[in-house]
PDB file of N, CA and C in Angstrom:
ATOM      1  N   MET A   1      19.823  21.029 -11.614  1.00  0.00           N
ATOM      2  CA  MET A   1      19.194  19.875 -12.238  1.00  0.00           C
ATOM      3  C   MET A   1      17.739  20.237 -12.545  1.00  0.00           C
ATOM      4  N   THR A   2      17.371  20.063 -13.790  1.00  0.00           N
ATOM      5  CA  THR A   2      16.003  20.360 -14.182  1.00  0.00           C
ATOM      6  C   THR A   2      15.105  19.170 -13.877  1.00  0.00           C
ATOM      7  N   LEU A   3      13.825  19.378 -14.046  1.00  0.00           N
ATOM      8  CA  LEU A   3      12.860  18.312 -13.798  1.00  0.00           C
ATOM      9  C   LEU A   3      13.098  17.139 -14.748  1.00  0.00           C
ATOM     10  N   TRP A   4      13.412  17.436 -15.998  1.00  0.00           N
ATOM     11  CA  TRP A   4      13.647  16.358 -16.967  1.00  0.00           C
ATOM     12  C   TRP A   4      14.894  15.558 -16.628  1.00  0.00           C
ATOM     13  N   HIS A   5      15.917  16.223 -16.111  1.00  0.00           N
ATOM     14  CA  HIS A   5      17.101  15.489 -15.684  1.00  0.00           C
ATOM     15  C   HIS A   5      16.756  14.538 -14.533  1.00  0.00           C
ATOM     16  N   ALA A   6      15.949  15.014 -13.595  1.00  0.00           N
ATOM     17  CA  ALA A   6      15.549  14.169 -12.464  1.00  0.00           C
ATOM     18  C   ALA A   6      14.717  12.981 -12.942  1.00  0.00           C
ATOM     19  N   ILE A   7      13.832  13.203 -13.901  1.00  0.00           N
ATOM     20  CA  ILE A   7      13.002  12.114 -14.436  1.00  0.00           C
ATOM     21  C   ILE A   7      13.878  11.086 -15.154  1.00  0.00           C
ATOM     22  N   LEU A   8      14.805  11.557 -15.974  1.00  0.00           N
ATOM     23  CA  LEU A   8      15.713  10.635 -16.667  1.00  0.00           C
ATOM     24  C   LEU A   8      16.598   9.864 -15.696  1.00  0.00           C
ATOM     25  N   LEU A   9      17.088  10.532 -14.665  1.00  0.00           N
ATOM     26  CA  LEU A   9      17.910   9.863 -13.667  1.00  0.00           C
ATOM     27  C   LEU A   9      17.095   8.795 -12.913  1.00  0.00           C
ATOM     28  N   ALA A  10      15.884   9.125 -12.545  1.00  0.00           N
ATOM     29  CA  ALA A  10      15.030   8.151 -11.862  1.00  0.00           C
ATOM     30  C   ALA A  10      14.740   6.956 -12.761  1.00  0.00           C
ATOM     31  N   GLY A  11      14.511   7.210 -14.053  1.00  0.00           N
ATOM     32  CA  GLY A  11      14.289   6.115 -15.000  1.00  0.00           C
ATOM     33  C   GLY A  11      15.499   5.229 -15.147  1.00  0.00           C
ATOM     34  N   LEU A  12      16.678   5.835 -15.206  1.00  0.00           N
ATOM     35  CA  LEU A  12      17.913   5.053 -15.306  1.00  0.00           C
ATOM     36  C   LEU A  12      18.166   4.227 -14.050  1.00  0.00           C
ATOM     37  N   ILE A  13      17.880   4.794 -12.901  1.00  0.00           N
ATOM     38  CA  ILE A  13      18.049   4.046 -11.649  1.00  0.00           C
ATOM     39  C   ILE A  13      17.080   2.875 -11.595  1.00  0.00           C
ATOM     40  N   ALA A  14      15.833   3.099 -12.008  1.00  0.00           N
ATOM     41  CA  ALA A  14      14.853   2.009 -12.022  1.00  0.00           C
ATOM     42  C   ALA A  14      15.284   0.913 -12.991  1.00  0.00           C
ATOM     43  N   PHE A  15      15.776   1.298 -14.164  1.00  0.00           N
ATOM     44  CA  PHE A  15      16.234   0.314 -15.148  1.00  0.00           C
ATOM     45  C   PHE A  15      17.421  -0.478 -14.611  1.00  0.00           C
ATOM     46  N   ALA A  16      18.372   0.213 -13.980  1.00  0.00           N
ATOM     47  CA  ALA A  16      19.553  -0.463 -13.436  1.00  0.00           C
ATOM     48  C   ALA A  16      19.169  -1.424 -12.317  1.00  0.00           C
ATOM     49  N   THR A  17      18.210  -1.028 -11.495  1.00  0.00           N
ATOM     50  CA  THR A  17      17.750  -1.910 -10.422  1.00  0.00           C
ATOM     51  C   THR A  17      17.121  -3.174 -10.989  1.00  0.00           C
ATOM     52  N   LYS A  18      16.300  -3.022 -12.007  1.00  0.00           N
ATOM     53  CA  LYS A  18      15.680  -4.200 -12.630  1.00  0.00           C
ATOM     54  C   LYS A  18      16.729  -5.071 -13.318  1.00  0.00           C
ATOM     55  N   LEU A  19      17.717  -4.447 -13.933  1.00  0.00           N
ATOM     56  CA  LEU A  19      18.773  -5.193 -14.599  1.00  0.00           C
ATOM     57  C   LEU A  19      19.617  -5.965 -13.589  1.00  0.00           C
ATOM     58  N   LEU A  20      19.863  -5.383 -12.434  1.00  0.00           N
ATOM     59  CA  LEU A  20      20.617  -6.068 -11.391  1.00  0.00           C
ATOM     60  C   LEU A  20      19.859  -7.279 -10.846  1.00  0.00           C
ATOM     61  N   GLY A  21      18.550  -7.262 -10.969  1.00  0.00           N
ATOM     62  CA  GLY A  21      17.758  -8.404 -10.524  1.00  0.00           C
ATOM     63  C   GLY A  21      18.094  -9.672 -11.279  1.00  0.00           C
ATOM     64  N   TYR A  22      18.523  -9.551 -12.517  1.00  0.00           N
ATOM     65  CA  TYR A  22      18.911 -10.720 -13.307  1.00  0.00           C
ATOM     66  C   TYR A  22      20.257 -11.282 -12.864  1.00  0.00           C
ATOM     67  N   ALA A  23      21.048 -10.487 -12.147  1.00  0.00           N
ATOM     68  CA  ALA A  23      22.364 -10.937 -11.708  1.00  0.00           C
ATOM     69  C   ALA A  23      22.311 -11.705 -10.382  1.00  0.00           C
ATOM     70  N   VAL A  24      21.135 -11.735  -9.746  1.00  0.00           N
ATOM     71  CA  VAL A  24      21.006 -12.459  -8.472  1.00  0.00           C
ATOM     72  C   VAL A  24      21.081 -13.955  -8.755  1.00  0.00           C
ATOM     73  N   PRO A  25      21.929 -14.679  -8.032  1.00  0.00           N
ATOM     74  CA  PRO A  25      22.029 -16.125  -8.260  1.00  0.00           C
ATOM     75  C   PRO A  25      20.700 -16.840  -7.971  1.00  0.00           C
ATOM     76  N   ALA A  26      20.408 -17.868  -8.758  1.00  0.00           N
ATOM     77  CA  ALA A  26      19.140 -18.594  -8.621  1.00  0.00           C
ATOM     78  C   ALA A  26      19.015 -19.255  -7.256  1.00  0.00           C
ATOM     79  N   ARG A  27      20.116 -19.685  -6.670  1.00  0.00           N
ATOM     80  CA  ARG A  27      20.028 -20.365  -5.368  1.00  0.00           C
ATOM     81  C   ARG A  27      19.568 -19.396  -4.271  1.00  0.00           C
ATOM     82  N   TRP A  28      19.856 -18.110  -4.425  1.00  0.00           N
ATOM     83  CA  TRP A  28      19.365 -17.137  -3.450  1.00  0.00           C
ATOM     84  C   TRP A  28      17.849 -17.021  -3.521  1.00  0.00           C
ATOM     85  N   LEU A  29      17.324 -17.062  -4.751  1.00  0.00           N
ATOM     86  CA  LEU A  29      15.881 -16.915  -4.936  1.00  0.00           C
ATOM     87  C   LEU A  29      15.107 -18.148  -4.494  1.00  0.00           C
ATOM     88  N   GLN A  30      15.751 -19.302  -4.461  1.00  0.00           N
ATOM     89  CA  GLN A  30      15.075 -20.529  -4.061  1.00  0.00           C
ATOM     90  C   GLN A  30      15.181 -20.784  -2.566  1.00  0.00           C
ATOM     91  N   ASN A  31      15.866 -19.930  -1.848  1.00  0.00           N
ATOM     92  CA  ASN A  31      16.020 -20.062  -0.410  1.00  0.00           C
ATOM     93  C   ASN A  31      14.663 -19.799   0.268  1.00  0.00           C
ATOM     94  N   PRO A  32      14.236 -20.652   1.209  1.00  0.00           N
ATOM     95  CA  PRO A  32      12.946 -20.441   1.889  1.00  0.00           C
ATOM     96  C   PRO A  32      12.877 -19.103   2.635  1.00  0.00           C
ATOM     97  N   ARG A  33      14.017 -18.642   3.132  1.00  0.00           N
ATOM     98  CA  ARG A  33      14.015 -17.352   3.825  1.00  0.00           C
ATOM     99  C   ARG A  33      13.648 -16.218   2.869  1.00  0.00           C
ATOM    100  N   MET A  34      14.083 -16.331   1.618  1.00  0.00           N
ATOM    101  CA  MET A  34      13.765 -15.305   0.623  1.00  0.00           C
ATOM    102  C   MET A  34      12.255 -15.255   0.367  1.00  0.00           C
ATOM    103  N   HIS A  35      11.600 -16.405   0.364  1.00  0.00           N
ATOM    104  CA  HIS A  35      10.147 -16.435   0.177  1.00  0.00           C
ATOM    105  C   HIS A  35       9.439 -15.753   1.345  1.00  0.00           C
ATOM    106  N   ARG A  36       9.926 -15.974   2.565  1.00  0.00           N
ATOM    107  CA  ARG A  36       9.318 -15.325   3.732  1.00  0.00           C
ATOM    108  C   ARG A  36       9.535 -13.812   3.689  1.00  0.00           C
ATOM    109  N   VAL A  37      10.740 -13.397   3.315  1.00  0.00           N
ATOM    110  CA  VAL A  37      11.043 -11.967   3.235  1.00  0.00           C
ATOM    111  C   VAL A  37      10.189 -11.301   2.158  1.00  0.00           C
ATOM    112  N   ALA A  38      10.068 -11.945   1.004  1.00  0.00           N
ATOM    113  CA  ALA A  38       9.262 -11.374  -0.079  1.00  0.00           C
ATOM    114  C   ALA A  38       7.800 -11.240   0.340  1.00  0.00           C
ATOM    115  N   GLY A  39       7.283 -12.245   1.038  1.00  0.00           N
ATOM    116  CA  GLY A  39       5.902 -12.164   1.515  1.00  0.00           C
ATOM    117  C   GLY A  39       5.715 -11.061   2.543  1.00  0.00           C
ATOM    118  N   ALA A  40       6.699 -10.923   3.439  1.00  0.00           N
ATOM    119  CA  ALA A  40       6.610  -9.878   4.462  1.00  0.00           C
ATOM    120  C   ALA A  40       6.721  -8.487   3.842  1.00  0.00           C
ATOM    121  N   LEU A  41       7.575  -8.329   2.843  1.00  0.00           N
ATOM    122  CA  LEU A  41       7.711  -7.034   2.182  1.00  0.00           C
ATOM    123  C   LEU A  41       6.429  -6.635   1.463  1.00  0.00           C
ATOM    124  N   THR A  42       5.771  -7.602   0.863  1.00  0.00           N
ATOM    125  CA  THR A  42       4.513  -7.311   0.169  1.00  0.00           C
ATOM    126  C   THR A  42       3.478  -6.788   1.147  1.00  0.00           C
ATOM    127  N   VAL A  43       3.341  -7.452   2.279  1.00  0.00           N
ATOM    128  CA  VAL A  43       2.374  -7.018   3.289  1.00  0.00           C
ATOM    129  C   VAL A  43       2.763  -5.653   3.849  1.00  0.00           C
ATOM    130  N   ALA A  44       4.040  -5.436   4.101  1.00  0.00           N
ATOM    131  CA  ALA A  44       4.489  -4.158   4.655  1.00  0.00           C
ATOM    132  C   ALA A  44       4.243  -3.006   3.679  1.00  0.00           C
ATOM    133  N   LEU A  45       4.503  -3.217   2.403  1.00  0.00           N
ATOM    134  CA  LEU A  45       4.257  -2.163   1.413  1.00  0.00           C
ATOM    135  C   LEU A  45       2.770  -1.860   1.269  1.00  0.00           C
ATOM    136  N   LEU A  46       1.937  -2.898   1.293  1.00  0.00           N
ATOM    137  CA  LEU A  46       0.486  -2.676   1.214  1.00  0.00           C
ATOM    138  C   LEU A  46      -0.017  -1.945   2.457  1.00  0.00           C
ATOM    139  N   ALA A  47       0.506  -2.288   3.627  1.00  0.00           N
ATOM    140  CA  ALA A  47       0.109  -1.594   4.859  1.00  0.00           C
ATOM    141  C   ALA A  47       0.536  -0.128   4.821  1.00  0.00           C
ATOM    142  N   ALA A  48       1.738   0.132   4.339  1.00  0.00           N
ATOM    143  CA  ALA A  48       2.212   1.513   4.242  1.00  0.00           C
ATOM    144  C   ALA A  48       1.364   2.324   3.265  1.00  0.00           C
ATOM    145  N   LEU A  49       1.004   1.729   2.158  1.00  0.00           N
ATOM    146  CA  LEU A  49       0.147   2.410   1.187  1.00  0.00           C
ATOM    147  C   LEU A  49      -1.224   2.709   1.784  1.00  0.00           C
ATOM    148  N   THR A  50      -1.762   1.753   2.534  1.00  0.00           N
ATOM    149  CA  THR A  50      -3.063   1.955   3.167  1.00  0.00           C
ATOM    150  C   THR A  50      -3.002   3.089   4.189  1.00  0.00           C
ATOM    151  N   VAL A  51      -1.968   3.111   4.993  1.00  0.00           N
ATOM    152  CA  VAL A  51      -1.834   4.161   6.008  1.00  0.00           C
ATOM    153  C   VAL A  51      -1.665   5.526   5.343  1.00  0.00           C
ATOM    154  N   MET A  52      -0.853   5.604   4.311  1.00  0.00           N
ATOM    155  CA  MET A  52      -0.658   6.888   3.628  1.00  0.00           C
ATOM    156  C   MET A  52      -1.945   7.383   2.990  1.00  0.00           C
ATOM    157  N   ASN A  53      -2.710   6.489   2.386  1.00  0.00           N
ATOM    158  CA  ASN A  53      -3.964   6.906   1.766  1.00  0.00           C
ATOM    159  C   ASN A  53      -5.032   7.231   2.794  1.00  0.00           C
ATOM    160  N   THR A  54      -4.892   6.733   4.011  1.00  0.00           N
ATOM    161  CA  THR A  54      -5.877   7.008   5.050  1.00  0.00           C
ATOM    162  C   THR A  54      -5.595   8.330   5.746  1.00  0.00           C
ATOM    163  N   PHE A  55      -4.346   8.618   6.054  1.00  0.00           N
ATOM    164  CA  PHE A  55      -4.028   9.770   6.886  1.00  0.00           C
ATOM    165  C   PHE A  55      -3.452  10.969   6.136  1.00  0.00           C
ATOM    166  N   ALA A  56      -3.050  10.824   4.899  1.00  0.00           N
ATOM    167  CA  ALA A  56      -2.404  11.923   4.190  1.00  0.00           C
ATOM    168  C   ALA A  56      -3.419  12.755   3.429  1.00  0.00           C
ATOM    169  N   ALA A  57      -3.259  14.053   3.552  1.00  0.00           N
ATOM    170  CA  ALA A  57      -4.051  15.006   2.774  1.00  0.00           C
ATOM    171  C   ALA A  57      -3.071  16.057   2.266  1.00  0.00           C
ATOM    172  N   GLY A  58      -2.536  15.827   1.098  1.00  0.00           N
ATOM    173  CA  GLY A  58      -1.505  16.714   0.583  1.00  0.00           C
ATOM    174  C   GLY A  58      -0.220  16.502   1.360  1.00  0.00           C
ATOM    175  N   THR A  59       0.250  17.552   2.019  1.00  0.00           N
ATOM    176  CA  THR A  59       1.467  17.439   2.816  1.00  0.00           C
ATOM    177  C   THR A  59       1.170  17.393   4.308  1.00  0.00           C
ATOM    178  N   ALA A  60      -0.097  17.320   4.672  1.00  0.00           N
ATOM    179  CA  ALA A  60      -0.479  17.310   6.084  1.00  0.00           C
ATOM    180  C   ALA A  60      -1.168  15.999   6.438  1.00  0.00           C
ATOM    181  N   LEU A  61      -1.251  15.745   7.725  1.00  0.00           N
ATOM    182  CA  LEU A  61      -1.990  14.589   8.208  1.00  0.00           C
ATOM    183  C   LEU A  61      -3.418  15.009   8.511  1.00  0.00           C
ATOM    184  N   SER A  62      -4.359  14.133   8.241  1.00  0.00           N
ATOM    185  CA  SER A  62      -5.752  14.452   8.519  1.00  0.00           C
ATOM    186  C   SER A  62      -6.463  13.224   9.064  1.00  0.00           C
ATOM    187  N   VAL A  63      -7.422  13.476   9.913  1.00  0.00           N
ATOM    188  CA  VAL A  63      -8.285  12.416  10.440  1.00  0.00           C
ATOM    189  C   VAL A  63      -9.696  12.763   9.987  1.00  0.00           C
ATOM    190  N   ASP A  64     -10.234  11.935   9.104  1.00  0.00           N
ATOM    191  CA  ASP A  64     -11.559  12.214   8.577  1.00  0.00           C
ATOM    192  C   ASP A  64     -12.307  10.906   8.356  1.00  0.00           C
ATOM    193  N   ALA A  65     -13.233  10.901   7.424  1.00  0.00           N
ATOM    194  CA  ALA A  65     -14.092   9.740   7.193  1.00  0.00           C
ATOM    195  C   ALA A  65     -13.312   8.527   6.712  1.00  0.00           C
ATOM    196  N   ARG A  66     -12.145   8.743   6.123  1.00  0.00           N
ATOM    197  CA  ARG A  66     -11.348   7.602   5.657  1.00  0.00           C
ATOM    198  C   ARG A  66     -10.899   6.712   6.810  1.00  0.00           C
ATOM    199  N   LEU A  67     -10.617   7.324   7.962  1.00  0.00           N
ATOM    200  CA  LEU A  67     -10.216   6.549   9.124  1.00  0.00           C
ATOM    201  C   LEU A  67     -11.371   5.673   9.618  1.00  0.00           C
ATOM    202  N   VAL A  68     -12.570   6.222   9.627  1.00  0.00           N
ATOM    203  CA  VAL A  68     -13.749   5.443  10.025  1.00  0.00           C
ATOM    204  C   VAL A  68     -13.983   4.302   9.044  1.00  0.00           C
ATOM    205  N   ALA A  69     -13.830   4.577   7.760  1.00  0.00           N
ATOM    206  CA  ALA A  69     -14.006   3.530   6.748  1.00  0.00           C
ATOM    207  C   ALA A  69     -12.982   2.418   6.930  1.00  0.00           C
ATOM    208  N   LEU A  70     -11.746   2.780   7.219  1.00  0.00           N
ATOM    209  CA  LEU A  70     -10.701   1.777   7.445  1.00  0.00           C
ATOM    210  C   LEU A  70     -11.005   0.946   8.685  1.00  0.00           C
ATOM    211  N   ALA A  71     -11.471   1.588   9.756  1.00  0.00           N
ATOM    212  CA  ALA A  71     -11.793   0.869  10.989  1.00  0.00           C
ATOM    213  C   ALA A  71     -12.961  -0.093  10.771  1.00  0.00           C
ATOM    214  N   VAL A  72     -13.984   0.345  10.060  1.00  0.00           N
ATOM    215  CA  VAL A  72     -15.132  -0.527   9.785  1.00  0.00           C
ATOM    216  C   VAL A  72     -14.710  -1.691   8.893  1.00  0.00           C
ATOM    217  N   ALA A  73     -13.908  -1.422   7.887  1.00  0.00           N
ATOM    218  CA  ALA A  73     -13.433  -2.495   7.005  1.00  0.00           C
ATOM    219  C   ALA A  73     -12.558  -3.486   7.766  1.00  0.00           C
ATOM    220  N   ALA A  74     -11.695  -2.980   8.655  1.00  0.00           N
ATOM    221  CA  ALA A  74     -10.848  -3.875   9.441  1.00  0.00           C
ATOM    222  C   ALA A  74     -11.690  -4.740  10.372  1.00  0.00           C
ATOM    223  N   LEU A  75     -12.717  -4.153  10.954  1.00  0.00           N
ATOM    224  CA  LEU A  75     -13.609  -4.924  11.820  1.00  0.00           C
ATOM    225  C   LEU A  75     -14.355  -5.992  11.020  1.00  0.00           C
ATOM    226  N   ALA A  76     -14.801  -5.645   9.827  1.00  0.00           N
ATOM    227  CA  ALA A  76     -15.482  -6.626   8.974  1.00  0.00           C
ATOM    228  C   ALA A  76     -14.532  -7.747   8.553  1.00  0.00           C
ATOM    229  N   LEU A  77     -13.276  -7.411   8.281  1.00  0.00           N
ATOM    230  CA  LEU A  77     -12.297  -8.449   7.958  1.00  0.00           C
ATOM    231  C   LEU A  77     -12.032  -9.346   9.164  1.00  0.00           C
ATOM    232  N   TRP A  78     -11.999  -8.748  10.348  1.00  0.00           N
ATOM    233  CA  TRP A  78     -11.789  -9.531  11.561  1.00  0.00           C
ATOM    234  C   TRP A  78     -12.941 -10.512  11.785  1.00  0.00           C
ATOM    235  N   TRP A  79     -14.149 -10.097  11.396  1.00  0.00           N
ATOM    236  CA  TRP A  79     -15.320 -10.977  11.498  1.00  0.00           C
ATOM    237  C   TRP A  79     -15.393 -11.955  10.326  1.00  0.00           C
ATOM    238  N   ARG A  80     -14.401 -11.913   9.458  1.00  0.00           N
ATOM    239  CA  ARG A  80     -14.283 -12.786   8.287  1.00  0.00           C
ATOM    240  C   ARG A  80     -15.442 -12.610   7.297  1.00  0.00           C
ATOM    241  N   ALA A  81     -15.813 -11.377   7.075  1.00  0.00           N
ATOM    242  CA  ALA A  81     -16.848 -11.068   6.086  1.00  0.00           C
ATOM    243  C   ALA A  81     -16.265 -11.226   4.683  1.00  0.00           C
ATOM    244  N   PRO A  82     -17.088 -11.508   3.690  1.00  0.00           N
ATOM    245  CA  PRO A  82     -16.598 -11.571   2.306  1.00  0.00           C
ATOM    246  C   PRO A  82     -16.032 -10.211   1.873  1.00  0.00           C
ATOM    247  N   PHE A  83     -15.061 -10.252   0.966  1.00  0.00           N
ATOM    248  CA  PHE A  83     -14.352  -9.034   0.585  1.00  0.00           C
ATOM    249  C   PHE A  83     -15.285  -7.971   0.017  1.00  0.00           C
ATOM    250  N   LEU A  84     -16.244  -8.355  -0.801  1.00  0.00           N
ATOM    251  CA  LEU A  84     -17.170  -7.381  -1.372  1.00  0.00           C
ATOM    252  C   LEU A  84     -17.963  -6.685  -0.270  1.00  0.00           C
ATOM    253  N   LEU A  85     -18.368  -7.427   0.745  1.00  0.00           N
ATOM    254  CA  LEU A  85     -19.083  -6.832   1.870  1.00  0.00           C
ATOM    255  C   LEU A  85     -18.174  -5.884   2.652  1.00  0.00           C
ATOM    256  N   VAL A  86     -16.909  -6.226   2.781  1.00  0.00           N
ATOM    257  CA  VAL A  86     -15.943  -5.347   3.461  1.00  0.00           C
ATOM    258  C   VAL A  86     -15.862  -4.009   2.738  1.00  0.00           C
ATOM    259  N   VAL A  87     -15.762  -4.052   1.422  1.00  0.00           N
ATOM    260  CA  VAL A  87     -15.663  -2.820   0.630  1.00  0.00           C
ATOM    261  C   VAL A  87     -16.940  -2.003   0.757  1.00  0.00           C
ATOM    262  N   VAL A  88     -18.093  -2.654   0.669  1.00  0.00           N
ATOM    263  CA  VAL A  88     -19.376  -1.947   0.763  1.00  0.00           C
ATOM    264  C   VAL A  88     -19.549  -1.334   2.147  1.00  0.00           C
ATOM    265  N   LEU A  89     -19.207  -2.059   3.189  1.00  0.00           N
ATOM    266  CA  LEU A  89     -19.328  -1.527   4.549  1.00  0.00           C
ATOM    267  C   LEU A  89     -18.398  -0.341   4.769  1.00  0.00           C
ATOM    268  N   GLY A  90     -17.172  -0.430   4.271  1.00  0.00           N
ATOM    269  CA  GLY A  90     -16.244   0.689   4.392  1.00  0.00           C
ATOM    270  C   GLY A  90     -16.739   1.920   3.656  1.00  0.00           C
ATOM    271  N   ALA A  91     -17.249   1.726   2.451  1.00  0.00           N
ATOM    272  CA  ALA A  91     -17.776   2.856   1.669  1.00  0.00           C
ATOM    273  C   ALA A  91     -19.003   3.453   2.345  1.00  0.00           C
ATOM    274  N   ALA A  92     -19.869   2.598   2.868  1.00  0.00           N
ATOM    275  CA  ALA A  92     -21.071   3.088   3.545  1.00  0.00           C
ATOM    276  C   ALA A  92     -20.713   3.863   4.810  1.00  0.00           C
ATOM    277  N   ALA A  93     -19.741   3.370   5.563  1.00  0.00           N
ATOM    278  CA  ALA A  93     -19.315   4.080   6.776  1.00  0.00           C
ATOM    279  C   ALA A  93     -18.725   5.446   6.427  1.00  0.00           C
ATOM    280  N   SER A  94     -17.921   5.494   5.385  1.00  0.00           N
ATOM    281  CA  SER A  94     -17.346   6.765   4.955  1.00  0.00           C
ATOM    282  C   SER A  94     -18.443   7.731   4.505  1.00  0.00           C
ATOM    283  N   ALA A  95     -19.400   7.225   3.754  1.00  0.00           N
ATOM    284  CA  ALA A  95     -20.491   8.075   3.273  1.00  0.00           C
ATOM    285  C   ALA A  95     -21.330   8.605   4.436  1.00  0.00           C
ATOM    286  N   LEU A  96     -21.606   7.753   5.409  1.00  0.00           N
ATOM    287  CA  LEU A  96     -22.393   8.195   6.563  1.00  0.00           C
ATOM    288  C   LEU A  96     -21.660   9.267   7.365  1.00  0.00           C
ATOM    289  N   VAL A  97     -20.363   9.090   7.568  1.00  0.00           N
ATOM    290  CA  VAL A  97     -19.599  10.093   8.319  1.00  0.00           C
ATOM    291  C   VAL A  97     -19.550  11.399   7.546  1.00  0.00           C
ATOM    292  N   ARG A  98     -19.326  11.335   6.250  1.00  0.00           N
ATOM    293  CA  ARG A  98     -19.277  12.575   5.446  1.00  0.00           C
ATOM    294  C   ARG A  98     -20.632  13.272   5.412  1.00  0.00           C
ATOM    295  N   TRP A  99     -21.708  12.481   5.399  1.00  0.00           N
ATOM    296  CA  TRP A  99     -23.058  13.064   5.404  1.00  0.00           C
ATOM    297  C   TRP A  99     -23.366  13.697   6.764  1.00  0.00           C
ATOM    298  N   TRP A 100     -22.928  13.044   7.833  1.00  0.00           N
ATOM    299  CA  TRP A 100     -23.246  13.506   9.174  1.00  0.00           C
ATOM    300  C   TRP A 100     -22.441  14.748   9.551  1.00  0.00           C
ATOM    301  N   VAL A 101     -21.198  14.822   9.098  1.00  0.00           N
ATOM    302  CA  VAL A 101     -20.341  15.960   9.498  1.00  0.00           C
ATOM    303  C   VAL A 101     -20.496  17.102   8.589  1.00  0.00           C
TER     304      VAL A 101
END
């Protein structure tokens, strides 16, 4: 299988998955449990993306300034700081660690 075959196959699978979404009965989508599951999946996917972007460096795991930035941002969120301040504090913490090391 060449790279183009894999790309076409992935595209067809994505299209079929989206097409199958139209076949889901409306009563399933209006179920309150479905709303809770959809909300939980959104949070879980965002958490997974955050963890991967924090610890991944190519194919290896790394602990560097990104971890400090994430910890500072999480602490600022816990203190209920405004989102812009959370981003600035995380960036500043990362910059300070990179400058210091």
